[in-house]
Amino acid sequence: MFKLVTDNMADLPREYLKEHNVDFVALSYILDGEEYGKERELDYKDFYGMMRNGKMPTTSQVNPEEAKAFFEECIRENDKILYIAFSSGLSGTFNSGRIAAEEIMEEHPDVKIAVIDSLAASLGEGLLVHKAVKLRDQGKTLEETVEWLESHRLNLVHAFTVDDLFHLHRGGRVSRTAAILGTLVSIKPKLHVDDEGHLILIGKVRGRRKSLDSLVDYMEEKMDSWMQENKEDYVFISHGDALEDAEYVKKRIQERFGMEHFLINNVGPVIGAHSGPGTIALFFMGESR
């Protein structure tokens, strides 16, 4: 059996990671002059509370040296490692992991480290990790699991909305003018992650409740036969300190599609630094992105 690892951009609960024996490497962030990472965390409510009060975090990716040190710890336990990484379209962390894995395998010919570009973010990446957990626990080999993930990662659909356009403006996703005008008339963007792992604006909706309903509409559009034939599949929902809205989206999905298996968790601080409080993101398997 191989060891499964990921990074904190997957936004999976610590309890889930511990229960399923999944380790992770952490991207870090700085907020109000303090640095946070794997060994030092800030409660997510405190994090979003500080953002709402005007504190703006900065983030950094995992570099090759950090990735190599992480893998060196992992291979003490198992000489077969599968690392599911944050989208290469949003961070250089995947590339750092690839470089580190190649160096270690050159130094240790008996070690195998497979690095998968999830082309996904937040619980989208988390859902891909969940699929890998199931395959591993079914007794699939490292090679079989890699083959499945690479064949199906573009079936992983993202749909999300944010409550404050100015955070997207900071990240270069919308212009300052669009952020100002959109805020004045309560425009909420609808976004997804494309086949290259990039964040893409796909629509705009007026009003918060309509923006949440639009995520469920998008699910109906994209799920097609996949979810209709797999009612037992999981739907993942992440939120930026907006649990009530996440529960609303869950309820609407239950009512419309009969899905019953959900995992809801907060958007972690590193992604939340760019999406802001109030983000709601929906992830599921579909015919295509």
C-alpha atoms as a PDB file:
ATOM      1  CA  MET A   1       0.000   0.000   0.000  1.00  0.00           C
ATOM      2  CA  PHE A   2       1.194   3.520  -0.763  1.00  0.00           C
ATOM      3  CA  LYS A   3       1.191   6.630   1.422  1.00  0.00           C
ATOM      4  CA  LEU A   4      -1.236   9.358   0.332  1.00  0.00           C
ATOM      5  CA  VAL A   5      -0.340  13.016   0.920  1.00  0.00           C
ATOM      6  CA  THR A   6      -1.679  16.385  -0.169  1.00  0.00           C
ATOM      7  CA  ASP A   7      -1.399  20.041   0.850  1.00  0.00           C
ATOM      8  CA  ASN A   8      -3.514  22.338   2.983  1.00  0.00           C
ATOM      9  CA  MET A   9      -5.118  23.869  -0.115  1.00  0.00           C
ATOM     10  CA  ALA A  10      -7.370  20.790  -0.220  1.00  0.00           C
ATOM     11  CA  ASP A  11      -9.232  22.325   2.760  1.00  0.00           C
ATOM     12  CA  LEU A  12     -10.060  18.921   4.234  1.00  0.00           C
ATOM     13  CA  PRO A  13     -10.847  18.820   7.960  1.00  0.00           C
ATOM     14  CA  ARG A  14      -7.944  17.738  10.139  1.00  0.00           C
ATOM     15  CA  GLU A  15     -10.183  14.989  11.521  1.00  0.00           C
ATOM     16  CA  TYR A  16     -10.685  13.593   8.022  1.00  0.00           C
ATOM     17  CA  LEU A  17      -6.944  13.614   7.295  1.00  0.00           C
ATOM     18  CA  LYS A  18      -6.164  11.847  10.568  1.00  0.00           C
ATOM     19  CA  GLU A  19      -8.929   9.258  10.169  1.00  0.00           C
ATOM     20  CA  HIS A  20      -7.816   8.363   6.637  1.00  0.00           C
ATOM     21  CA  ASN A  21      -4.053   8.556   7.259  1.00  0.00           C
ATOM     22  CA  VAL A  22      -3.414  11.433   4.851  1.00  0.00           C
ATOM     23  CA  ASP A  23      -0.501  13.751   5.619  1.00  0.00           C
ATOM     24  CA  PHE A  24      -0.061  17.230   4.152  1.00  0.00           C
ATOM     25  CA  VAL A  25       2.467  19.933   3.400  1.00  0.00           C
ATOM     26  CA  ALA A  26       1.363  23.482   4.160  1.00  0.00           C
ATOM     27  CA  LEU A  27       1.455  26.718   2.238  1.00  0.00           C
ATOM     28  CA  SER A  28       1.883  29.587   4.683  1.00  0.00           C
ATOM     29  CA  TYR A  29       0.405  33.054   5.072  1.00  0.00           C
ATOM     30  CA  ILE A  30       1.147  36.261   6.930  1.00  0.00           C
ATOM     31  CA  LEU A  31      -1.599  38.250   8.628  1.00  0.00           C
ATOM     32  CA  ASP A  32      -1.091  41.359  10.752  1.00  0.00           C
ATOM     33  CA  GLY A  33       2.651  40.735  10.818  1.00  0.00           C
ATOM     34  CA  GLU A  34       2.356  37.127  12.055  1.00  0.00           C
ATOM     35  CA  GLU A  35       3.219  34.039  10.005  1.00  0.00           C
ATOM     36  CA  TYR A  36       1.004  30.960  10.123  1.00  0.00           C
ATOM     37  CA  GLY A  37       1.450  27.467   8.693  1.00  0.00           C
ATOM     38  CA  LYS A  38       1.208  23.782   9.552  1.00  0.00           C
ATOM     39  CA  GLU A  39       2.612  24.106  13.062  1.00  0.00           C
ATOM     40  CA  ARG A  40       0.925  27.384  13.913  1.00  0.00           C
ATOM     41  CA  GLU A  41      -2.680  27.906  12.890  1.00  0.00           C
ATOM     42  CA  LEU A  42      -5.184  30.705  13.353  1.00  0.00           C
ATOM     43  CA  ASP A  43      -8.808  29.788  14.012  1.00  0.00           C
ATOM     44  CA  TYR A  44     -10.727  30.384  10.816  1.00  0.00           C
ATOM     45  CA  LYS A  45     -13.330  32.577  12.525  1.00  0.00           C
ATOM     46  CA  ASP A  46     -10.558  34.788  13.864  1.00  0.00           C
ATOM     47  CA  PHE A  47      -8.961  34.831  10.400  1.00  0.00           C
ATOM     48  CA  TYR A  48     -12.133  35.942   8.624  1.00  0.00           C
ATOM     49  CA  GLY A  49     -12.979  38.345  11.435  1.00  0.00           C
ATOM     50  CA  MET A  50      -9.640  40.083  10.892  1.00  0.00           C
ATOM     51  CA  MET A  51     -10.283  40.246   7.147  1.00  0.00           C
ATOM     52  CA  ARG A  52     -13.690  41.787   7.752  1.00  0.00           C
ATOM     53  CA  ASN A  53     -11.931  44.397   9.885  1.00  0.00           C
ATOM     54  CA  GLY A  54      -9.592  45.326   7.049  1.00  0.00           C
ATOM     55  CA  LYS A  55      -6.565  43.092   7.654  1.00  0.00           C
ATOM     56  CA  MET A  56      -5.211  41.767   4.347  1.00  0.00           C
ATOM     57  CA  PRO A  57      -3.183  38.514   4.389  1.00  0.00           C
ATOM     58  CA  THR A  58      -0.343  37.603   2.040  1.00  0.00           C
ATOM     59  CA  THR A  59       0.451  34.018   1.042  1.00  0.00           C
ATOM     60  CA  SER A  60       3.411  32.004  -0.187  1.00  0.00           C
ATOM     61  CA  GLN A  61       3.726  28.706  -2.045  1.00  0.00           C
ATOM     62  CA  VAL A  62       5.704  25.645  -0.997  1.00  0.00           C
ATOM     63  CA  ASN A  63       9.237  25.837  -2.430  1.00  0.00           C
ATOM     64  CA  PRO A  64      11.233  22.788  -3.651  1.00  0.00           C
ATOM     65  CA  GLU A  65      13.338  22.659  -0.480  1.00  0.00           C
ATOM     66  CA  GLU A  66      10.245  22.534   1.734  1.00  0.00           C
ATOM     67  CA  ALA A  67       8.657  19.887  -0.481  1.00  0.00           C
ATOM     68  CA  LYS A  68      11.829  17.783  -0.392  1.00  0.00           C
ATOM     69  CA  ALA A  69      12.036  17.945   3.397  1.00  0.00           C
ATOM     70  CA  PHE A  70       8.387  16.866   3.592  1.00  0.00           C
ATOM     71  CA  PHE A  71       8.912  13.916   1.239  1.00  0.00           C
ATOM     72  CA  GLU A  72      12.032  12.843   3.106  1.00  0.00           C
ATOM     73  CA  GLU A  73       9.908  12.512   6.240  1.00  0.00           C
ATOM     74  CA  CYS A  74       7.263  10.574   4.305  1.00  0.00           C
ATOM     75  CA  ILE A  75       9.637   7.990   2.824  1.00  0.00           C
ATOM     76  CA  ARG A  76      10.731   6.981   6.318  1.00  0.00           C
ATOM     77  CA  GLU A  77       7.267   5.461   6.614  1.00  0.00           C
ATOM     78  CA  ASN A  78       6.664   4.226   3.061  1.00  0.00           C
ATOM     79  CA  ASP A  79       8.737   4.094  -0.118  1.00  0.00           C
ATOM     80  CA  LYS A  80       5.668   4.642  -2.302  1.00  0.00           C
ATOM     81  CA  ILE A  81       4.126   8.136  -2.092  1.00  0.00           C
ATOM     82  CA  LEU A  82       1.228   9.736  -3.945  1.00  0.00           C
ATOM     83  CA  TYR A  83       1.068  13.517  -3.633  1.00  0.00           C
ATOM     84  CA  ILE A  84      -2.094  15.258  -4.890  1.00  0.00           C
ATOM     85  CA  ALA A  85      -1.139  18.913  -5.333  1.00  0.00           C
ATOM     86  CA  PHE A  86      -2.885  22.268  -5.582  1.00  0.00           C
ATOM     87  CA  SER A  87      -3.633  23.393  -9.148  1.00  0.00           C
ATOM     88  CA  SER A  88      -0.592  24.403 -11.208  1.00  0.00           C
ATOM     89  CA  GLY A  89      -2.825  27.072 -12.729  1.00  0.00           C
ATOM     90  CA  LEU A  90      -3.012  28.852  -9.376  1.00  0.00           C
ATOM     91  CA  SER A  91       0.311  28.135  -7.654  1.00  0.00           C
ATOM     92  CA  GLY A  92       3.838  26.862  -8.219  1.00  0.00           C
ATOM     93  CA  THR A  93       3.440  24.318  -5.404  1.00  0.00           C
ATOM     94  CA  PHE A  94       2.829  21.404  -7.803  1.00  0.00           C
ATOM     95  CA  ASN A  95       6.041  22.206  -9.663  1.00  0.00           C
ATOM     96  CA  SER A  96       7.961  22.400  -6.390  1.00  0.00           C
ATOM     97  CA  GLY A  97       6.642  18.959  -5.490  1.00  0.00           C
ATOM     98  CA  ARG A  98       7.592  17.566  -8.895  1.00  0.00           C
ATOM     99  CA  ILE A  99      11.150  18.895  -8.626  1.00  0.00           C
ATOM    100  CA  ALA A 100      11.539  17.563  -5.088  1.00  0.00           C
ATOM    101  CA  ALA A 101      10.176  14.148  -6.035  1.00  0.00           C
ATOM    102  CA  GLU A 102      12.588  13.830  -8.955  1.00  0.00           C
ATOM    103  CA  GLU A 103      15.557  14.710  -6.727  1.00  0.00           C
ATOM    104  CA  ILE A 104      14.593  12.188  -4.070  1.00  0.00           C
ATOM    105  CA  MET A 105      13.982   9.383  -6.580  1.00  0.00           C
ATOM    106  CA  GLU A 106      17.379  10.071  -8.127  1.00  0.00           C
ATOM    107  CA  GLU A 107      18.991   9.850  -4.682  1.00  0.00           C
ATOM    108  CA  HIS A 108      16.897   6.822  -3.641  1.00  0.00           C
ATOM    109  CA  PRO A 109      16.238   4.544  -6.646  1.00  0.00           C
ATOM    110  CA  ASP A 110      13.990   2.272  -4.563  1.00  0.00           C
ATOM    111  CA  VAL A 111      11.576   5.143  -3.822  1.00  0.00           C
ATOM    112  CA  LYS A 112       8.558   5.985  -5.995  1.00  0.00           C
ATOM    113  CA  ILE A 113       6.862   9.391  -5.621  1.00  0.00           C
ATOM    114  CA  ALA A 114       3.983  10.224  -7.965  1.00  0.00           C
ATOM    115  CA  VAL A 115       2.967  13.894  -8.049  1.00  0.00           C
ATOM    116  CA  ILE A 116      -0.498  14.632  -9.444  1.00  0.00           C
ATOM    117  CA  ASP A 117      -1.566  18.104 -10.546  1.00  0.00           C
ATOM    118  CA  SER A 118      -5.140  18.194  -9.265  1.00  0.00           C
ATOM    119  CA  LEU A 119      -5.982  21.178 -11.502  1.00  0.00           C
ATOM    120  CA  ALA A 120      -8.289  21.940  -8.591  1.00  0.00           C
ATOM    121  CA  ALA A 121      -8.660  24.160  -5.546  1.00  0.00           C
ATOM    122  CA  SER A 122     -10.099  23.976  -2.033  1.00  0.00           C
ATOM    123  CA  LEU A 123     -12.466  21.058  -1.514  1.00  0.00           C
ATOM    124  CA  GLY A 124     -12.241  20.381  -5.248  1.00  0.00           C
ATOM    125  CA  GLU A 125      -8.727  19.171  -4.567  1.00  0.00           C
ATOM    126  CA  GLY A 126     -10.150  17.621  -1.405  1.00  0.00           C
ATOM    127  CA  LEU A 127     -12.701  15.631  -3.402  1.00  0.00           C
ATOM    128  CA  LEU A 128      -9.915  14.250  -5.583  1.00  0.00           C
ATOM    129  CA  VAL A 129      -8.043  13.239  -2.409  1.00  0.00           C
ATOM    130  CA  HIS A 130     -11.237  11.554  -1.192  1.00  0.00           C
ATOM    131  CA  LYS A 131     -11.422   9.536  -4.423  1.00  0.00           C
ATOM    132  CA  ALA A 132      -7.792   8.487  -3.927  1.00  0.00           C
ATOM    133  CA  VAL A 133      -8.546   7.422  -0.338  1.00  0.00           C
ATOM    134  CA  LYS A 134     -11.338   5.165  -1.589  1.00  0.00           C
ATOM    135  CA  LEU A 135      -9.130   3.640  -4.296  1.00  0.00           C
ATOM    136  CA  ARG A 136      -6.261   3.055  -1.867  1.00  0.00           C
ATOM    137  CA  ASP A 137      -8.581   1.439   0.670  1.00  0.00           C
ATOM    138  CA  GLN A 138      -9.982  -0.827  -2.067  1.00  0.00           C
ATOM    139  CA  GLY A 139      -6.458  -2.144  -2.534  1.00  0.00           C
ATOM    140  CA  LYS A 140      -5.638  -0.320  -5.765  1.00  0.00           C
ATOM    141  CA  THR A 141      -1.944   0.110  -6.479  1.00  0.00           C
ATOM    142  CA  LEU A 142      -0.180   3.447  -6.730  1.00  0.00           C
ATOM    143  CA  GLU A 143      -0.127   3.117 -10.518  1.00  0.00           C
ATOM    144  CA  GLU A 144      -3.820   2.220 -10.737  1.00  0.00           C
ATOM    145  CA  THR A 145      -4.771   5.157  -8.519  1.00  0.00           C
ATOM    146  CA  VAL A 146      -2.665   7.587 -10.540  1.00  0.00           C
ATOM    147  CA  GLU A 147      -4.279   6.330 -13.755  1.00  0.00           C
ATOM    148  CA  TRP A 148      -7.796   6.865 -12.368  1.00  0.00           C
ATOM    149  CA  LEU A 149      -7.026  10.346 -11.056  1.00  0.00           C
ATOM    150  CA  GLU A 150      -5.437  11.497 -14.303  1.00  0.00           C
ATOM    151  CA  SER A 151      -8.349  10.064 -16.294  1.00  0.00           C
ATOM    152  CA  HIS A 152     -11.072  11.659 -14.162  1.00  0.00           C
ATOM    153  CA  ARG A 153      -9.700  14.914 -12.706  1.00  0.00           C
ATOM    154  CA  LEU A 154     -11.396  16.913 -15.492  1.00  0.00           C
ATOM    155  CA  ASN A 155     -14.714  15.421 -14.390  1.00  0.00           C
ATOM    156  CA  LEU A 156     -14.282  17.391 -11.171  1.00  0.00           C
ATOM    157  CA  VAL A 157     -16.546  20.448 -11.402  1.00  0.00           C
ATOM    158  CA  HIS A 158     -16.045  23.659  -9.409  1.00  0.00           C
ATOM    159  CA  ALA A 159     -18.744  26.305  -8.982  1.00  0.00           C
ATOM    160  CA  PHE A 160     -18.417  29.182  -6.554  1.00  0.00           C
ATOM    161  CA  THR A 161     -19.347  32.702  -5.720  1.00  0.00           C
ATOM    162  CA  VAL A 162     -17.859  35.385  -3.486  1.00  0.00           C
ATOM    163  CA  ASP A 163     -19.522  38.024  -1.375  1.00  0.00           C
ATOM    164  CA  ASP A 164     -16.992  40.826  -1.888  1.00  0.00           C
ATOM    165  CA  LEU A 165     -15.639  41.635  -5.339  1.00  0.00           C
ATOM    166  CA  PHE A 166     -12.726  43.627  -3.934  1.00  0.00           C
ATOM    167  CA  HIS A 167     -10.898  40.443  -2.940  1.00  0.00           C
ATOM    168  CA  LEU A 168     -11.086  39.265  -6.554  1.00  0.00           C
ATOM    169  CA  HIS A 169      -9.833  42.678  -7.612  1.00  0.00           C
ATOM    170  CA  ARG A 170      -6.799  42.287  -5.347  1.00  0.00           C
ATOM    171  CA  GLY A 171      -6.050  39.020  -7.111  1.00  0.00           C
ATOM    172  CA  GLY A 172      -6.400  40.573 -10.548  1.00  0.00           C
ATOM    173  CA  ARG A 173      -9.629  38.734 -11.404  1.00  0.00           C
ATOM    174  CA  VAL A 174     -11.821  41.827 -11.846  1.00  0.00           C
ATOM    175  CA  SER A 175     -11.045  45.496 -12.413  1.00  0.00           C
ATOM    176  CA  ARG A 176     -11.391  48.085  -9.678  1.00  0.00           C
ATOM    177  CA  THR A 177     -14.217  49.733 -11.615  1.00  0.00           C
ATOM    178  CA  ALA A 178     -16.067  46.426 -11.889  1.00  0.00           C
ATOM    179  CA  ALA A 179     -15.570  45.812  -8.172  1.00  0.00           C
ATOM    180  CA  ILE A 180     -16.963  49.240  -7.255  1.00  0.00           C
ATOM    181  CA  LEU A 181     -19.927  49.112  -9.644  1.00  0.00           C
ATOM    182  CA  GLY A 182     -20.696  45.489  -8.808  1.00  0.00           C
ATOM    183  CA  THR A 183     -20.714  46.240  -5.098  1.00  0.00           C
ATOM    184  CA  LEU A 184     -23.060  49.194  -5.562  1.00  0.00           C
ATOM    185  CA  VAL A 185     -25.681  47.100  -7.371  1.00  0.00           C
ATOM    186  CA  SER A 186     -25.045  43.868  -5.387  1.00  0.00           C
ATOM    187  CA  ILE A 187     -23.566  41.935  -8.302  1.00  0.00           C
ATOM    188  CA  LYS A 188     -22.183  38.536  -7.306  1.00  0.00           C
ATOM    189  CA  PRO A 189     -19.827  36.699  -9.651  1.00  0.00           C
ATOM    190  CA  LYS A 190     -20.130  33.032 -10.584  1.00  0.00           C
ATOM    191  CA  LEU A 191     -16.777  31.375 -11.189  1.00  0.00           C
ATOM    192  CA  HIS A 192     -15.267  27.983 -11.907  1.00  0.00           C
ATOM    193  CA  VAL A 193     -11.865  26.363 -12.427  1.00  0.00           C
ATOM    194  CA  ASP A 194     -11.183  25.392 -16.036  1.00  0.00           C
ATOM    195  CA  ASP A 195      -9.342  22.441 -17.595  1.00  0.00           C
ATOM    196  CA  GLU A 196      -5.996  24.200 -17.111  1.00  0.00           C
ATOM    197  CA  GLY A 197      -6.705  24.792 -13.437  1.00  0.00           C
ATOM    198  CA  HIS A 198      -7.284  28.536 -13.814  1.00  0.00           C
ATOM    199  CA  LEU A 199      -9.931  30.584 -12.043  1.00  0.00           C
ATOM    200  CA  ILE A 200     -12.473  31.790 -14.625  1.00  0.00           C
ATOM    201  CA  LEU A 201     -15.439  34.166 -14.344  1.00  0.00           C
ATOM    202  CA  ILE A 202     -18.426  32.527 -16.043  1.00  0.00           C
ATOM    203  CA  GLY A 203     -21.340  34.720 -15.027  1.00  0.00           C
ATOM    204  CA  LYS A 204     -22.808  37.415 -12.806  1.00  0.00           C
ATOM    205  CA  VAL A 205     -25.939  37.358 -10.671  1.00  0.00           C
ATOM    206  CA  ARG A 206     -27.652  40.160  -8.769  1.00  0.00           C
ATOM    207  CA  GLY A 207     -28.204  39.348  -5.113  1.00  0.00           C
ATOM    208  CA  ARG A 208     -26.721  36.866  -2.658  1.00  0.00           C
ATOM    209  CA  ARG A 209     -29.551  34.312  -2.618  1.00  0.00           C
ATOM    210  CA  LYS A 210     -29.705  34.205  -6.405  1.00  0.00           C
ATOM    211  CA  SER A 211     -25.957  33.657  -6.535  1.00  0.00           C
ATOM    212  CA  LEU A 212     -26.333  30.616  -4.273  1.00  0.00           C
ATOM    213  CA  ASP A 213     -29.189  29.253  -6.358  1.00  0.00           C
ATOM    214  CA  SER A 214     -27.068  29.743  -9.479  1.00  0.00           C
ATOM    215  CA  LEU A 215     -24.500  27.284  -8.112  1.00  0.00           C
ATOM    216  CA  VAL A 216     -27.196  24.620  -7.866  1.00  0.00           C
ATOM    217  CA  ASP A 217     -28.423  25.502 -11.373  1.00  0.00           C
ATOM    218  CA  TYR A 218     -24.874  25.042 -12.626  1.00  0.00           C
ATOM    219  CA  MET A 219     -24.732  21.655 -10.944  1.00  0.00           C
ATOM    220  CA  GLU A 220     -27.844  20.568 -12.833  1.00  0.00           C
ATOM    221  CA  GLU A 221     -26.247  21.771 -16.055  1.00  0.00           C
ATOM    222  CA  LYS A 222     -22.937  19.969 -15.505  1.00  0.00           C
ATOM    223  CA  MET A 223     -23.794  16.810 -13.578  1.00  0.00           C
ATOM    224  CA  ASP A 224     -25.523  15.141 -16.560  1.00  0.00           C
ATOM    225  CA  SER A 225     -25.491  11.346 -16.385  1.00  0.00           C
ATOM    226  CA  TRP A 226     -22.535  11.057 -13.974  1.00  0.00           C
ATOM    227  CA  MET A 227     -24.300  12.121 -10.784  1.00  0.00           C
ATOM    228  CA  GLN A 228     -27.662  10.809 -11.948  1.00  0.00           C
ATOM    229  CA  GLU A 229     -26.097   7.363 -12.141  1.00  0.00           C
ATOM    230  CA  ASN A 230     -24.068   7.840  -8.924  1.00  0.00           C
ATOM    231  CA  LYS A 231     -26.507   9.085  -6.306  1.00  0.00           C
ATOM    232  CA  GLU A 232     -24.216   7.742  -3.585  1.00  0.00           C
ATOM    233  CA  ASP A 233     -21.348   9.993  -4.698  1.00  0.00           C
ATOM    234  CA  TYR A 234     -20.192  12.812  -2.441  1.00  0.00           C
ATOM    235  CA  VAL A 235     -20.805  16.526  -2.887  1.00  0.00           C
ATOM    236  CA  PHE A 236     -18.289  18.822  -1.171  1.00  0.00           C
ATOM    237  CA  ILE A 237     -19.093  22.409  -0.141  1.00  0.00           C
ATOM    238  CA  SER A 238     -16.623  24.911   1.305  1.00  0.00           C
ATOM    239  CA  HIS A 239     -17.379  28.303   2.790  1.00  0.00           C
ATOM    240  CA  GLY A 240     -15.612  31.424   3.993  1.00  0.00           C
ATOM    241  CA  ASP A 241     -17.203  31.633   7.463  1.00  0.00           C
ATOM    242  CA  ALA A 242     -20.689  31.357   5.915  1.00  0.00           C
ATOM    243  CA  LEU A 243     -21.962  28.017   7.202  1.00  0.00           C
ATOM    244  CA  GLU A 244     -25.625  29.000   6.972  1.00  0.00           C
ATOM    245  CA  ASP A 245     -25.283  29.680   3.248  1.00  0.00           C
ATOM    246  CA  ALA A 246     -23.403  26.402   2.746  1.00  0.00           C
ATOM    247  CA  GLU A 247     -26.231  24.548   4.482  1.00  0.00           C
ATOM    248  CA  TYR A 248     -28.732  26.355   2.219  1.00  0.00           C
ATOM    249  CA  VAL A 249     -26.897  25.114  -0.887  1.00  0.00           C
ATOM    250  CA  LYS A 250     -26.817  21.584   0.563  1.00  0.00           C
ATOM    251  CA  LYS A 251     -30.566  21.675   1.196  1.00  0.00           C
ATOM    252  CA  ARG A 252     -31.319  22.882  -2.329  1.00  0.00           C
ATOM    253  CA  ILE A 253     -29.190  20.055  -3.775  1.00  0.00           C
ATOM    254  CA  GLN A 254     -30.979  17.490  -1.611  1.00  0.00           C
ATOM    255  CA  GLU A 255     -34.367  18.794  -2.736  1.00  0.00           C
ATOM    256  CA  ARG A 256     -33.549  18.912  -6.444  1.00  0.00           C
ATOM    257  CA  PHE A 257     -31.294  15.911  -6.983  1.00  0.00           C
ATOM    258  CA  GLY A 258     -31.763  13.591  -4.021  1.00  0.00           C
ATOM    259  CA  MET A 259     -28.086  13.626  -3.062  1.00  0.00           C
ATOM    260  CA  GLU A 260     -27.430  12.672   0.551  1.00  0.00           C
ATOM    261  CA  HIS A 261     -23.659  12.473   0.986  1.00  0.00           C
ATOM    262  CA  PHE A 262     -21.960  15.788   1.748  1.00  0.00           C
ATOM    263  CA  LEU A 263     -18.798  17.128   3.302  1.00  0.00           C
ATOM    264  CA  ILE A 264     -18.884  20.788   4.375  1.00  0.00           C
ATOM    265  CA  ASN A 265     -15.817  22.645   5.621  1.00  0.00           C
ATOM    266  CA  ASN A 266     -14.444  26.173   5.748  1.00  0.00           C
ATOM    267  CA  VAL A 267     -12.256  27.624   3.012  1.00  0.00           C
ATOM    268  CA  GLY A 268      -8.798  27.654   4.556  1.00  0.00           C
ATOM    269  CA  PRO A 269      -6.876  30.888   5.129  1.00  0.00           C
ATOM    270  CA  VAL A 270      -4.511  30.564   2.154  1.00  0.00           C
ATOM    271  CA  ILE A 271      -7.336  30.395  -0.393  1.00  0.00           C
ATOM    272  CA  GLY A 272      -9.552  32.578   1.784  1.00  0.00           C
ATOM    273  CA  ALA A 273      -6.918  35.330   1.588  1.00  0.00           C
ATOM    274  CA  HIS A 274      -7.842  35.687  -2.089  1.00  0.00           C
ATOM    275  CA  SER A 275     -11.570  34.864  -2.052  1.00  0.00           C
ATOM    276  CA  GLY A 276     -12.552  36.593   1.187  1.00  0.00           C
ATOM    277  CA  PRO A 277     -15.301  36.071   3.773  1.00  0.00           C
ATOM    278  CA  GLY A 278     -18.628  34.819   2.470  1.00  0.00           C
ATOM    279  CA  THR A 279     -17.250  32.627  -0.293  1.00  0.00           C
ATOM    280  CA  ILE A 280     -19.370  29.583  -1.132  1.00  0.00           C
ATOM    281  CA  ALA A 281     -17.880  26.850  -3.308  1.00  0.00           C
ATOM    282  CA  LEU A 282     -19.531  23.694  -4.632  1.00  0.00           C
ATOM    283  CA  PHE A 283     -17.643  20.618  -5.910  1.00  0.00           C
ATOM    284  CA  PHE A 284     -18.924  17.443  -7.543  1.00  0.00           C
ATOM    285  CA  MET A 285     -18.147  14.945 -10.291  1.00  0.00           C
ATOM    286  CA  GLY A 286     -19.717  15.655 -13.676  1.00  0.00           C
ATOM    287  CA  GLU A 287     -19.372  14.909 -17.354  1.00  0.00           C
ATOM    288  CA  SER A 288     -16.887  17.757 -17.775  1.00  0.00           C
ATOM    289  CA  ARG A 289     -15.826  21.003 -16.178  1.00  0.00           C
END
